[in-house]
Amino acid sequence: MKTAFFSFHKFEKPYFEKLNPNEDNFHFLNLSLSVETAQLSVGFDAVSLFVNDDASAPVLEILHTNGIRFIALRSAGYNNVDLVKAKQLGIRVARVPAYSPFAVAEHAVALMLALNRKLVRSHYRIMEQNFSLNGLTGFDMNGKTVGIAGTGKIGKVIARIMHGFGCHLLAYDKIEDEEIKQKYQVEYVDFESLCKKADIITLHLPLNKESKYMVNNAAIDQMKKGVMLINTSRGKLVNTDDVVQALKQGHIGYFGMDVYEEEGGLFFEDHSEDILQDDTIARLMTFQNVLITSHQGFLTETSLQNIARTTLYNLDCFEQNKISENEIN
């Protein structure tokens, strides 16, 4: 099946080549999908998209006109696709539902530990031959209350890891997971109670109408002073401007973010020679108690292998007119 891969990155290529080394029907583009680039889909049957590609209704219209009938996402999330419009146009969509929950969960914990023990600051001091320990005091994770917003595959791994640290675990989710309640003594509460009680809050919910900007001024006001907030899920779960104000006021003590609500056109790209135009992220970069990574939580060998394998499987199902269990209805 002739497929145009949008937003294709150098780090993905070895895994696709290993699984499918002689595929002449694949065309890899380092451009993201948008209204402006959608015409590049002419002559193809399918497109493969990454997390920040735009598959809104206007883009889908262009894709459909160009003969695209299939979308193979190289991600678990699909909030960037207008599924209602895709169904109207008869475009089938499949995703990679679980490339590695361990990768994202472990990255979230890495952000917690790096922020807590001030590892970045410590490293830069050593590089300057400054071996002072002043200002580097952290806290014991053991005994702290961790609030997990979302206990799907990634949230369950977080519960397992943080239970190992000796933390008391609170969780917020519409569906309570009996396994983690029994194994790790997870207590389910509403989001307001989680905000009030947790020393560390980590977000692992999908982005939808209910979860959009769930971390806002009202939620932050309920949080403990000095709370640690971690987001490795979707940028728009957090109202970033509200978080900036809370950081300035000292209400949020630590903020770790692997995703950003305006990351399109910024993350995954080298802007080292450019003038940064995003004032909000520029402000975040000035805080010593903020740690930003560029949506790399998924970036492990296991994840990349699984993404390539599942994407190729989904495309094979499309080509053979079979239903993939990864198809989004």
C-alpha atoms as a PDB file:
ATOM      1  CA  MET A   1       0.000   0.000   0.000  1.00  0.00           C
ATOM      2  CA  LYS A   2       1.426   3.376  -1.015  1.00  0.00           C
ATOM      3  CA  THR A   3       1.833   5.340   2.189  1.00  0.00           C
ATOM      4  CA  ALA A   4       3.124   8.825   2.952  1.00  0.00           C
ATOM      5  CA  PHE A   5       4.700   9.031   6.407  1.00  0.00           C
ATOM      6  CA  PHE A   6       4.388  12.565   7.769  1.00  0.00           C
ATOM      7  CA  SER A   7       6.559  13.919  10.617  1.00  0.00           C
ATOM      8  CA  PHE A   8       8.963  11.036  10.139  1.00  0.00           C
ATOM      9  CA  HIS A   9      12.043  11.311  12.340  1.00  0.00           C
ATOM     10  CA  LYS A  10      15.566  10.022  12.042  1.00  0.00           C
ATOM     11  CA  PHE A  11      15.182   8.000  15.256  1.00  0.00           C
ATOM     12  CA  GLU A  12      12.281   6.006  13.724  1.00  0.00           C
ATOM     13  CA  LYS A  13      13.984   4.963  10.488  1.00  0.00           C
ATOM     14  CA  PRO A  14      16.147   2.032  11.692  1.00  0.00           C
ATOM     15  CA  TYR A  15      13.135   0.270  13.200  1.00  0.00           C
ATOM     16  CA  PHE A  16      11.028   0.504  10.036  1.00  0.00           C
ATOM     17  CA  GLU A  17      13.979  -0.541   7.869  1.00  0.00           C
ATOM     18  CA  LYS A  18      14.656  -3.575  10.040  1.00  0.00           C
ATOM     19  CA  LEU A  19      11.065  -4.801   9.840  1.00  0.00           C
ATOM     20  CA  ASN A  20      10.431  -3.860   6.214  1.00  0.00           C
ATOM     21  CA  PRO A  21      13.732  -3.159   4.438  1.00  0.00           C
ATOM     22  CA  ASN A  22      12.551  -3.311   0.800  1.00  0.00           C
ATOM     23  CA  GLU A  23       9.280  -1.389   0.937  1.00  0.00           C
ATOM     24  CA  ASP A  24       9.233   0.851  -2.138  1.00  0.00           C
ATOM     25  CA  ASN A  25       5.669   2.029  -1.509  1.00  0.00           C
ATOM     26  CA  PHE A  26       6.646   4.060   1.549  1.00  0.00           C
ATOM     27  CA  HIS A  27       7.597   7.726   1.282  1.00  0.00           C
ATOM     28  CA  PHE A  28       9.064   9.340   4.394  1.00  0.00           C
ATOM     29  CA  LEU A  29       8.545  13.077   4.929  1.00  0.00           C
ATOM     30  CA  ASN A  30      10.065  15.213   7.665  1.00  0.00           C
ATOM     31  CA  LEU A  31       7.178  17.670   7.260  1.00  0.00           C
ATOM     32  CA  SER A  32       4.169  17.667   9.547  1.00  0.00           C
ATOM     33  CA  LEU A  33       0.710  17.243   8.081  1.00  0.00           C
ATOM     34  CA  SER A  34      -1.276  20.456   7.790  1.00  0.00           C
ATOM     35  CA  VAL A  35      -3.580  22.237   5.353  1.00  0.00           C
ATOM     36  CA  GLU A  36      -0.459  23.524   3.599  1.00  0.00           C
ATOM     37  CA  THR A  37       1.256  20.114   3.253  1.00  0.00           C
ATOM     38  CA  ALA A  38      -1.773  17.859   2.714  1.00  0.00           C
ATOM     39  CA  GLN A  39      -1.331  18.051  -1.088  1.00  0.00           C
ATOM     40  CA  LEU A  40       1.797  15.925  -0.690  1.00  0.00           C
ATOM     41  CA  SER A  41      -0.564  12.983  -0.192  1.00  0.00           C
ATOM     42  CA  VAL A  42      -1.471  12.914  -3.896  1.00  0.00           C
ATOM     43  CA  GLY A  43      -0.793   9.479  -5.357  1.00  0.00           C
ATOM     44  CA  PHE A  44      -0.898   7.644  -2.044  1.00  0.00           C
ATOM     45  CA  ASP A  45      -3.524   5.321  -0.539  1.00  0.00           C
ATOM     46  CA  ALA A  46      -2.688   5.974   3.110  1.00  0.00           C
ATOM     47  CA  VAL A  47      -0.909   8.397   5.388  1.00  0.00           C
ATOM     48  CA  SER A  48       0.910   7.655   8.617  1.00  0.00           C
ATOM     49  CA  LEU A  49       0.836  10.416  11.228  1.00  0.00           C
ATOM     50  CA  PHE A  50       2.702  11.328  14.402  1.00  0.00           C
ATOM     51  CA  VAL A  51       1.418  13.031  17.551  1.00  0.00           C
ATOM     52  CA  ASN A  52       1.395  16.654  16.361  1.00  0.00           C
ATOM     53  CA  ASP A  53       0.164  16.147  12.807  1.00  0.00           C
ATOM     54  CA  ASP A  54      -3.065  17.984  12.009  1.00  0.00           C
ATOM     55  CA  ALA A  55      -5.882  15.689  10.897  1.00  0.00           C
ATOM     56  CA  SER A  56      -8.688  18.171  11.475  1.00  0.00           C
ATOM     57  CA  ALA A  57     -11.745  18.301   9.223  1.00  0.00           C
ATOM     58  CA  PRO A  58     -10.246  20.679   6.587  1.00  0.00           C
ATOM     59  CA  VAL A  59      -7.130  18.507   6.280  1.00  0.00           C
ATOM     60  CA  LEU A  60      -9.192  15.319   6.044  1.00  0.00           C
ATOM     61  CA  GLU A  61     -11.204  16.860   3.230  1.00  0.00           C
ATOM     62  CA  ILE A  62      -8.006  17.425   1.249  1.00  0.00           C
ATOM     63  CA  LEU A  63      -6.720  13.932   2.018  1.00  0.00           C
ATOM     64  CA  HIS A  64     -10.007  12.398   0.892  1.00  0.00           C
ATOM     65  CA  THR A  65      -9.999  14.407  -2.338  1.00  0.00           C
ATOM     66  CA  ASN A  66      -6.467  13.144  -2.963  1.00  0.00           C
ATOM     67  CA  GLY A  67      -7.582   9.539  -2.602  1.00  0.00           C
ATOM     68  CA  ILE A  68      -6.489   8.817   0.965  1.00  0.00           C
ATOM     69  CA  ARG A  69      -8.705   6.187   2.581  1.00  0.00           C
ATOM     70  CA  PHE A  70      -6.537   5.075   5.504  1.00  0.00           C
ATOM     71  CA  ILE A  71      -4.686   6.752   8.382  1.00  0.00           C
ATOM     72  CA  ALA A  72      -2.134   4.775  10.399  1.00  0.00           C
ATOM     73  CA  LEU A  73      -1.188   6.682  13.537  1.00  0.00           C
ATOM     74  CA  ARG A  74       2.229   6.134  15.054  1.00  0.00           C
ATOM     75  CA  SER A  75       0.897   7.063  18.482  1.00  0.00           C
ATOM     76  CA  ALA A  76      -1.592   5.961  21.108  1.00  0.00           C
ATOM     77  CA  GLY A  77      -3.409   9.291  21.315  1.00  0.00           C
ATOM     78  CA  TYR A  78      -5.744  10.376  18.546  1.00  0.00           C
ATOM     79  CA  ASN A  79      -7.060  13.752  19.710  1.00  0.00           C
ATOM     80  CA  ASN A  80      -5.396  15.301  16.632  1.00  0.00           C
ATOM     81  CA  VAL A  81      -7.805  13.412  14.335  1.00  0.00           C
ATOM     82  CA  ASP A  82     -11.395  14.504  13.716  1.00  0.00           C
ATOM     83  CA  LEU A  83     -12.868  11.017  13.966  1.00  0.00           C
ATOM     84  CA  VAL A  84     -16.401  12.136  13.169  1.00  0.00           C
ATOM     85  CA  LYS A  85     -15.255  13.707   9.903  1.00  0.00           C
ATOM     86  CA  ALA A  86     -13.070  10.699   9.102  1.00  0.00           C
ATOM     87  CA  LYS A  87     -16.070   8.395   9.464  1.00  0.00           C
ATOM     88  CA  GLN A  88     -18.206  10.647   7.260  1.00  0.00           C
ATOM     89  CA  LEU A  89     -15.524  10.509   4.572  1.00  0.00           C
ATOM     90  CA  GLY A  90     -15.003   6.774   4.903  1.00  0.00           C
ATOM     91  CA  ILE A  91     -11.400   7.119   6.076  1.00  0.00           C
ATOM     92  CA  ARG A  92     -10.362   4.291   8.380  1.00  0.00           C
ATOM     93  CA  VAL A  93      -8.070   5.160  11.297  1.00  0.00           C
ATOM     94  CA  ALA A  94      -5.858   2.853  13.372  1.00  0.00           C
ATOM     95  CA  ARG A  95      -3.421   3.640  16.164  1.00  0.00           C
ATOM     96  CA  VAL A  96      -0.664   2.081  18.278  1.00  0.00           C
ATOM     97  CA  PRO A  97      -2.533   1.604  21.559  1.00  0.00           C
ATOM     98  CA  ALA A  98       0.295   0.379  23.792  1.00  0.00           C
ATOM     99  CA  TYR A  99       3.831   0.820  22.508  1.00  0.00           C
ATOM    100  CA  SER A 100       5.325   0.728  26.018  1.00  0.00           C
ATOM    101  CA  PRO A 101       3.561   1.971  29.131  1.00  0.00           C
ATOM    102  CA  PHE A 102       6.815   1.341  30.999  1.00  0.00           C
ATOM    103  CA  ALA A 103       8.678   3.899  28.876  1.00  0.00           C
ATOM    104  CA  VAL A 104       6.337   6.780  29.696  1.00  0.00           C
ATOM    105  CA  ALA A 105       5.872   5.790  33.336  1.00  0.00           C
ATOM    106  CA  GLU A 106       9.598   5.492  33.921  1.00  0.00           C
ATOM    107  CA  HIS A 107      10.165   8.889  32.286  1.00  0.00           C
ATOM    108  CA  ALA A 108       7.576  10.447  34.590  1.00  0.00           C
ATOM    109  CA  VAL A 109       9.395   9.017  37.605  1.00  0.00           C
ATOM    110  CA  ALA A 110      12.721  10.225  36.172  1.00  0.00           C
ATOM    111  CA  LEU A 111      11.291  13.760  36.074  1.00  0.00           C
ATOM    112  CA  MET A 112      10.154  13.403  39.699  1.00  0.00           C
ATOM    113  CA  LEU A 113      13.565  12.265  40.887  1.00  0.00           C
ATOM    114  CA  ALA A 114      15.515  14.814  38.828  1.00  0.00           C
ATOM    115  CA  LEU A 115      13.376  17.668  40.125  1.00  0.00           C
ATOM    116  CA  ASN A 116      13.409  16.442  43.714  1.00  0.00           C
ATOM    117  CA  ARG A 117      17.162  15.882  43.916  1.00  0.00           C
ATOM    118  CA  LYS A 118      17.975  18.845  41.656  1.00  0.00           C
ATOM    119  CA  LEU A 119      20.114  16.696  39.391  1.00  0.00           C
ATOM    120  CA  VAL A 120      20.310  19.163  36.497  1.00  0.00           C
ATOM    121  CA  ARG A 121      21.498  21.996  38.725  1.00  0.00           C
ATOM    122  CA  SER A 122      23.948  19.666  40.446  1.00  0.00           C
ATOM    123  CA  HIS A 123      25.386  18.487  37.113  1.00  0.00           C
ATOM    124  CA  TYR A 124      25.956  22.021  35.820  1.00  0.00           C
ATOM    125  CA  ARG A 125      27.618  23.004  39.092  1.00  0.00           C
ATOM    126  CA  ILE A 126      30.065  20.127  38.824  1.00  0.00           C
ATOM    127  CA  MET A 127      30.853  21.116  35.219  1.00  0.00           C
ATOM    128  CA  GLU A 128      31.877  24.518  36.643  1.00  0.00           C
ATOM    129  CA  GLN A 129      33.912  22.812  39.419  1.00  0.00           C
ATOM    130  CA  ASN A 130      31.417  24.024  42.000  1.00  0.00           C
ATOM    131  CA  PHE A 131      31.059  21.171  44.481  1.00  0.00           C
ATOM    132  CA  SER A 132      28.901  23.050  46.993  1.00  0.00           C
ATOM    133  CA  LEU A 133      25.726  21.333  48.191  1.00  0.00           C
ATOM    134  CA  ASN A 134      23.925  24.522  49.176  1.00  0.00           C
ATOM    135  CA  GLY A 135      20.464  24.744  47.608  1.00  0.00           C
ATOM    136  CA  LEU A 136      20.385  21.094  46.526  1.00  0.00           C
ATOM    137  CA  THR A 137      18.329  19.648  49.380  1.00  0.00           C
ATOM    138  CA  GLY A 138      15.602  17.241  48.293  1.00  0.00           C
ATOM    139  CA  PHE A 139      13.068  15.097  50.147  1.00  0.00           C
ATOM    140  CA  ASP A 140      12.513  11.394  50.763  1.00  0.00           C
ATOM    141  CA  MET A 141       9.985   9.950  48.343  1.00  0.00           C
ATOM    142  CA  ASN A 142       9.167   7.307  50.921  1.00  0.00           C
ATOM    143  CA  GLY A 143       6.031   8.212  52.834  1.00  0.00           C
ATOM    144  CA  LYS A 144       4.885  10.919  50.416  1.00  0.00           C
ATOM    145  CA  THR A 145       1.373  10.918  48.938  1.00  0.00           C
ATOM    146  CA  VAL A 146       1.317  10.530  45.160  1.00  0.00           C
ATOM    147  CA  GLY A 147      -1.826  11.367  43.200  1.00  0.00           C
ATOM    148  CA  ILE A 148      -2.185   9.484  39.917  1.00  0.00           C
ATOM    149  CA  ALA A 149      -4.706  11.054  37.545  1.00  0.00           C
ATOM    150  CA  GLY A 150      -5.543   8.239  35.143  1.00  0.00           C
ATOM    151  CA  THR A 151      -4.925   4.572  35.901  1.00  0.00           C
ATOM    152  CA  GLY A 152      -4.820   3.055  32.444  1.00  0.00           C
ATOM    153  CA  LYS A 153      -1.771   1.109  31.278  1.00  0.00           C
ATOM    154  CA  ILE A 154       0.707   3.886  32.124  1.00  0.00           C
ATOM    155  CA  GLY A 155      -0.958   4.893  35.378  1.00  0.00           C
ATOM    156  CA  LYS A 156      -0.873   1.273  36.572  1.00  0.00           C
ATOM    157  CA  VAL A 157       2.887   1.124  36.022  1.00  0.00           C
ATOM    158  CA  ILE A 158       3.277   4.403  37.917  1.00  0.00           C
ATOM    159  CA  ALA A 159       1.337   2.867  40.825  1.00  0.00           C
ATOM    160  CA  ARG A 160       3.641  -0.133  40.848  1.00  0.00           C
ATOM    161  CA  ILE A 161       6.809   1.984  40.816  1.00  0.00           C
ATOM    162  CA  MET A 162       5.673   4.484  43.429  1.00  0.00           C
ATOM    163  CA  HIS A 163       4.424   1.689  45.686  1.00  0.00           C
ATOM    164  CA  GLY A 164       8.001   0.411  45.543  1.00  0.00           C
ATOM    165  CA  PHE A 165       9.181   3.784  46.831  1.00  0.00           C
ATOM    166  CA  GLY A 166       6.896   3.397  49.830  1.00  0.00           C
ATOM    167  CA  CYS A 167       4.457   6.127  48.795  1.00  0.00           C
ATOM    168  CA  HIS A 168       0.803   6.373  49.752  1.00  0.00           C
ATOM    169  CA  LEU A 169      -1.167   6.264  46.499  1.00  0.00           C
ATOM    170  CA  LEU A 170      -4.305   8.159  45.531  1.00  0.00           C
ATOM    171  CA  ALA A 171      -5.926   7.789  42.125  1.00  0.00           C
ATOM    172  CA  TYR A 172      -8.539   9.525  40.029  1.00  0.00           C
ATOM    173  CA  ASP A 173     -10.266   7.682  37.186  1.00  0.00           C
ATOM    174  CA  LYS A 174     -13.810   6.912  36.075  1.00  0.00           C
ATOM    175  CA  ILE A 175     -12.977   3.214  36.134  1.00  0.00           C
ATOM    176  CA  GLU A 176     -11.395   1.838  39.306  1.00  0.00           C
ATOM    177  CA  ASP A 177      -8.742  -0.817  38.775  1.00  0.00           C
ATOM    178  CA  GLU A 178      -9.237  -3.562  41.335  1.00  0.00           C
ATOM    179  CA  GLU A 179      -5.785  -5.045  40.754  1.00  0.00           C
ATOM    180  CA  ILE A 180      -3.863  -1.948  41.818  1.00  0.00           C
ATOM    181  CA  LYS A 181      -6.260  -1.374  44.711  1.00  0.00           C
ATOM    182  CA  GLN A 182      -5.367  -4.807  46.047  1.00  0.00           C
ATOM    183  CA  LYS A 183      -1.671  -4.968  45.099  1.00  0.00           C
ATOM    184  CA  TYR A 184      -0.588  -1.417  45.836  1.00  0.00           C
ATOM    185  CA  GLN A 185      -3.270  -0.136  48.249  1.00  0.00           C
ATOM    186  CA  VAL A 186      -4.393   2.535  45.801  1.00  0.00           C
ATOM    187  CA  GLU A 187      -7.250   4.684  47.110  1.00  0.00           C
ATOM    188  CA  TYR A 188      -9.590   6.156  44.511  1.00  0.00           C
ATOM    189  CA  VAL A 189     -10.824   9.703  45.171  1.00  0.00           C
ATOM    190  CA  ASP A 190     -12.293  12.563  43.164  1.00  0.00           C
ATOM    191  CA  PHE A 191      -9.885  14.965  41.489  1.00  0.00           C
ATOM    192  CA  GLU A 192     -10.467  17.723  44.025  1.00  0.00           C
ATOM    193  CA  SER A 193      -9.546  15.410  46.909  1.00  0.00           C
ATOM    194  CA  LEU A 194      -6.482  14.204  45.021  1.00  0.00           C
ATOM    195  CA  CYS A 195      -5.348  17.809  44.570  1.00  0.00           C
ATOM    196  CA  LYS A 196      -5.847  18.571  48.261  1.00  0.00           C
ATOM    197  CA  LYS A 197      -3.969  15.547  49.601  1.00  0.00           C
ATOM    198  CA  ALA A 198      -1.160  14.757  47.164  1.00  0.00           C
ATOM    199  CA  ASP A 199       2.454  15.883  47.531  1.00  0.00           C
ATOM    200  CA  ILE A 200       3.124  14.769  43.954  1.00  0.00           C
ATOM    201  CA  ILE A 201       0.524  14.787  41.160  1.00  0.00           C
ATOM    202  CA  THR A 202       1.226  12.942  37.912  1.00  0.00           C
ATOM    203  CA  LEU A 203      -1.108  13.112  34.907  1.00  0.00           C
ATOM    204  CA  HIS A 204      -1.891  10.076  32.738  1.00  0.00           C
ATOM    205  CA  LEU A 205      -5.300  10.818  31.229  1.00  0.00           C
ATOM    206  CA  PRO A 206      -6.278  11.109  27.560  1.00  0.00           C
ATOM    207  CA  LEU A 207      -7.214  14.546  26.261  1.00  0.00           C
ATOM    208  CA  ASN A 208     -10.942  15.070  25.810  1.00  0.00           C
ATOM    209  CA  LYS A 209     -13.583  17.673  26.623  1.00  0.00           C
ATOM    210  CA  GLU A 210     -13.660  16.652  30.279  1.00  0.00           C
ATOM    211  CA  SER A 211      -9.910  16.559  30.847  1.00  0.00           C
ATOM    212  CA  LYS A 212      -8.910  19.662  28.860  1.00  0.00           C
ATOM    213  CA  TYR A 213      -7.327  22.200  31.239  1.00  0.00           C
ATOM    214  CA  MET A 214      -8.239  20.091  34.268  1.00  0.00           C
ATOM    215  CA  VAL A 215      -5.193  21.644  35.930  1.00  0.00           C
ATOM    216  CA  ASN A 216      -6.228  25.272  36.127  1.00  0.00           C
ATOM    217  CA  ASN A 217      -6.346  28.014  38.757  1.00  0.00           C
ATOM    218  CA  ALA A 218      -9.267  26.374  40.561  1.00  0.00           C
ATOM    219  CA  ALA A 219      -7.482  23.014  40.783  1.00  0.00           C
ATOM    220  CA  ILE A 220      -4.141  24.608  41.710  1.00  0.00           C
ATOM    221  CA  ASP A 221      -5.786  26.533  44.548  1.00  0.00           C
ATOM    222  CA  GLN A 222      -6.783  23.176  46.050  1.00  0.00           C
ATOM    223  CA  MET A 223      -3.227  21.801  45.888  1.00  0.00           C
ATOM    224  CA  LYS A 224      -0.726  21.814  48.710  1.00  0.00           C
ATOM    225  CA  LYS A 225       1.798  24.639  48.700  1.00  0.00           C
ATOM    226  CA  GLY A 226       4.990  23.275  47.188  1.00  0.00           C
ATOM    227  CA  VAL A 227       3.274  20.471  45.280  1.00  0.00           C
ATOM    228  CA  MET A 228       5.136  18.652  42.511  1.00  0.00           C
ATOM    229  CA  LEU A 229       3.224  18.464  39.218  1.00  0.00           C
ATOM    230  CA  ILE A 230       4.248  16.072  36.429  1.00  0.00           C
ATOM    231  CA  ASN A 231       2.680  15.915  32.962  1.00  0.00           C
ATOM    232  CA  THR A 232       3.774  13.230  30.491  1.00  0.00           C
ATOM    233  CA  SER A 233       0.324  12.769  28.927  1.00  0.00           C
ATOM    234  CA  ARG A 234      -1.093  15.604  26.813  1.00  0.00           C
ATOM    235  CA  GLY A 235      -0.159  19.274  26.989  1.00  0.00           C
ATOM    236  CA  LYS A 236      -3.701  20.606  27.144  1.00  0.00           C
ATOM    237  CA  LEU A 237      -4.474  18.787  30.370  1.00  0.00           C
ATOM    238  CA  VAL A 238      -2.665  21.768  31.901  1.00  0.00           C
ATOM    239  CA  ASN A 239      -3.437  25.454  31.547  1.00  0.00           C
ATOM    240  CA  THR A 240       0.200  26.479  31.243  1.00  0.00           C
ATOM    241  CA  ASP A 241      -0.368  30.167  31.962  1.00  0.00           C
ATOM    242  CA  ASP A 242      -2.060  29.257  35.258  1.00  0.00           C
ATOM    243  CA  VAL A 243       0.878  27.010  36.148  1.00  0.00           C
ATOM    244  CA  VAL A 244       3.341  29.816  35.400  1.00  0.00           C
ATOM    245  CA  GLN A 245       1.501  32.113  37.808  1.00  0.00           C
ATOM    246  CA  ALA A 246       1.470  29.412  40.485  1.00  0.00           C
ATOM    247  CA  LEU A 247       5.214  28.885  40.016  1.00  0.00           C
ATOM    248  CA  LYS A 248       5.840  32.619  40.374  1.00  0.00           C
ATOM    249  CA  GLN A 249       3.814  32.642  43.593  1.00  0.00           C
ATOM    250  CA  GLY A 250       5.615  29.588  44.961  1.00  0.00           C
ATOM    251  CA  HIS A 251       2.403  27.568  45.160  1.00  0.00           C
ATOM    252  CA  ILE A 252       3.673  24.921  42.752  1.00  0.00           C
ATOM    253  CA  GLY A 253       7.077  23.846  44.026  1.00  0.00           C
ATOM    254  CA  TYR A 254       8.140  21.677  41.084  1.00  0.00           C
ATOM    255  CA  PHE A 255       6.884  21.235  37.532  1.00  0.00           C
ATOM    256  CA  GLY A 256       8.003  18.502  35.153  1.00  0.00           C
ATOM    257  CA  MET A 257       6.608  18.545  31.630  1.00  0.00           C
ATOM    258  CA  ASP A 258       7.263  16.246  28.702  1.00  0.00           C
ATOM    259  CA  VAL A 259       4.305  17.658  26.747  1.00  0.00           C
ATOM    260  CA  TYR A 260       3.180  21.202  26.039  1.00  0.00           C
ATOM    261  CA  GLU A 261      -0.111  22.557  24.780  1.00  0.00           C
ATOM    262  CA  GLU A 262       1.614  24.576  22.037  1.00  0.00           C
ATOM    263  CA  GLU A 263       4.305  22.039  21.167  1.00  0.00           C
ATOM    264  CA  GLY A 264       3.357  21.770  17.491  1.00  0.00           C
ATOM    265  CA  GLY A 265       6.136  23.264  15.384  1.00  0.00           C
ATOM    266  CA  LEU A 266       8.390  23.456  18.454  1.00  0.00           C
ATOM    267  CA  PHE A 267       8.992  19.998  19.887  1.00  0.00           C
ATOM    268  CA  PHE A 268      10.818  17.364  17.783  1.00  0.00           C
ATOM    269  CA  GLU A 269      12.660  20.125  15.883  1.00  0.00           C
ATOM    270  CA  ASP A 270      16.017  21.881  16.189  1.00  0.00           C
ATOM    271  CA  HIS A 271      15.455  25.596  16.837  1.00  0.00           C
ATOM    272  CA  SER A 272      18.916  26.264  18.234  1.00  0.00           C
ATOM    273  CA  GLU A 273      19.580  28.920  15.576  1.00  0.00           C
ATOM    274  CA  ASP A 274      16.173  30.597  15.940  1.00  0.00           C
ATOM    275  CA  ILE A 275      14.770  33.300  18.187  1.00  0.00           C
ATOM    276  CA  LEU A 276      12.251  31.640  20.486  1.00  0.00           C
ATOM    277  CA  GLN A 277       8.821  33.087  19.734  1.00  0.00           C
ATOM    278  CA  ASP A 278       6.819  31.286  22.435  1.00  0.00           C
ATOM    279  CA  ASP A 279       6.783  33.588  25.460  1.00  0.00           C
ATOM    280  CA  THR A 280       5.149  31.033  27.747  1.00  0.00           C
ATOM    281  CA  ILE A 281       7.751  28.311  27.331  1.00  0.00           C
ATOM    282  CA  ALA A 282      10.471  30.966  27.426  1.00  0.00           C
ATOM    283  CA  ARG A 283       9.174  31.965  30.867  1.00  0.00           C
ATOM    284  CA  LEU A 284       9.044  28.345  31.998  1.00  0.00           C
ATOM    285  CA  MET A 285      12.674  27.907  31.007  1.00  0.00           C
ATOM    286  CA  THR A 286      13.683  30.588  33.529  1.00  0.00           C
ATOM    287  CA  PHE A 287      12.503  28.605  36.570  1.00  0.00           C
ATOM    288  CA  GLN A 288      15.069  26.441  38.340  1.00  0.00           C
ATOM    289  CA  ASN A 289      12.272  24.206  39.645  1.00  0.00           C
ATOM    290  CA  VAL A 290      10.922  23.400  36.159  1.00  0.00           C
ATOM    291  CA  LEU A 291      12.220  20.534  34.041  1.00  0.00           C
ATOM    292  CA  ILE A 292      11.169  20.343  30.388  1.00  0.00           C
ATOM    293  CA  THR A 293      11.746  17.454  28.008  1.00  0.00           C
ATOM    294  CA  SER A 294      10.663  17.487  24.389  1.00  0.00           C
ATOM    295  CA  HIS A 295       7.957  14.780  24.339  1.00  0.00           C
ATOM    296  CA  GLN A 296      10.518  12.020  24.740  1.00  0.00           C
ATOM    297  CA  GLY A 297       8.710   9.874  27.299  1.00  0.00           C
ATOM    298  CA  PHE A 298       7.990   7.234  24.664  1.00  0.00           C
ATOM    299  CA  LEU A 299      11.527   7.249  23.279  1.00  0.00           C
ATOM    300  CA  THR A 300      12.955   3.825  24.092  1.00  0.00           C
ATOM    301  CA  GLU A 301      14.095   0.999  21.844  1.00  0.00           C
ATOM    302  CA  THR A 302      11.154  -1.131  22.938  1.00  0.00           C
ATOM    303  CA  SER A 303       8.657   1.614  22.129  1.00  0.00           C
ATOM    304  CA  LEU A 304      10.108   2.343  18.706  1.00  0.00           C
ATOM    305  CA  GLN A 305      10.126  -1.358  17.814  1.00  0.00           C
ATOM    306  CA  ASN A 306       6.496  -1.693  18.877  1.00  0.00           C
ATOM    307  CA  ILE A 307       5.419   1.468  17.057  1.00  0.00           C
ATOM    308  CA  ALA A 308       7.009   0.299  13.805  1.00  0.00           C
ATOM    309  CA  ARG A 309       5.655  -3.235  14.131  1.00  0.00           C
ATOM    310  CA  THR A 310       2.092  -2.158  14.954  1.00  0.00           C
ATOM    311  CA  THR A 311       2.016   0.563  12.273  1.00  0.00           C
ATOM    312  CA  LEU A 312       3.074  -1.935   9.610  1.00  0.00           C
ATOM    313  CA  TYR A 313       0.529  -4.446  10.896  1.00  0.00           C
ATOM    314  CA  ASN A 314      -2.245  -1.835  10.699  1.00  0.00           C
ATOM    315  CA  LEU A 315      -1.255  -0.941   7.140  1.00  0.00           C
ATOM    316  CA  ASP A 316      -1.249  -4.632   6.179  1.00  0.00           C
ATOM    317  CA  CYS A 317      -4.769  -4.987   7.605  1.00  0.00           C
ATOM    318  CA  PHE A 318      -5.934  -1.996   5.585  1.00  0.00           C
ATOM    319  CA  GLU A 319      -4.379  -3.383   2.410  1.00  0.00           C
ATOM    320  CA  GLN A 320      -5.965  -6.818   2.891  1.00  0.00           C
ATOM    321  CA  ASN A 321      -9.312  -5.259   3.883  1.00  0.00           C
ATOM    322  CA  LYS A 322      -9.115  -6.844   7.315  1.00  0.00           C
ATOM    323  CA  ILE A 323     -10.206  -5.254  10.569  1.00  0.00           C
ATOM    324  CA  SER A 324      -7.313  -4.403  12.878  1.00  0.00           C
ATOM    325  CA  GLU A 325      -8.019  -4.568  16.606  1.00  0.00           C
ATOM    326  CA  ASN A 326      -6.248  -1.199  16.725  1.00  0.00           C
ATOM    327  CA  GLU A 327      -8.799   0.495  14.499  1.00  0.00           C
ATOM    328  CA  ILE A 328     -10.652   3.422  16.088  1.00  0.00           C
ATOM    329  CA  ASN A 329     -14.403   3.346  15.556  1.00  0.00           C
END
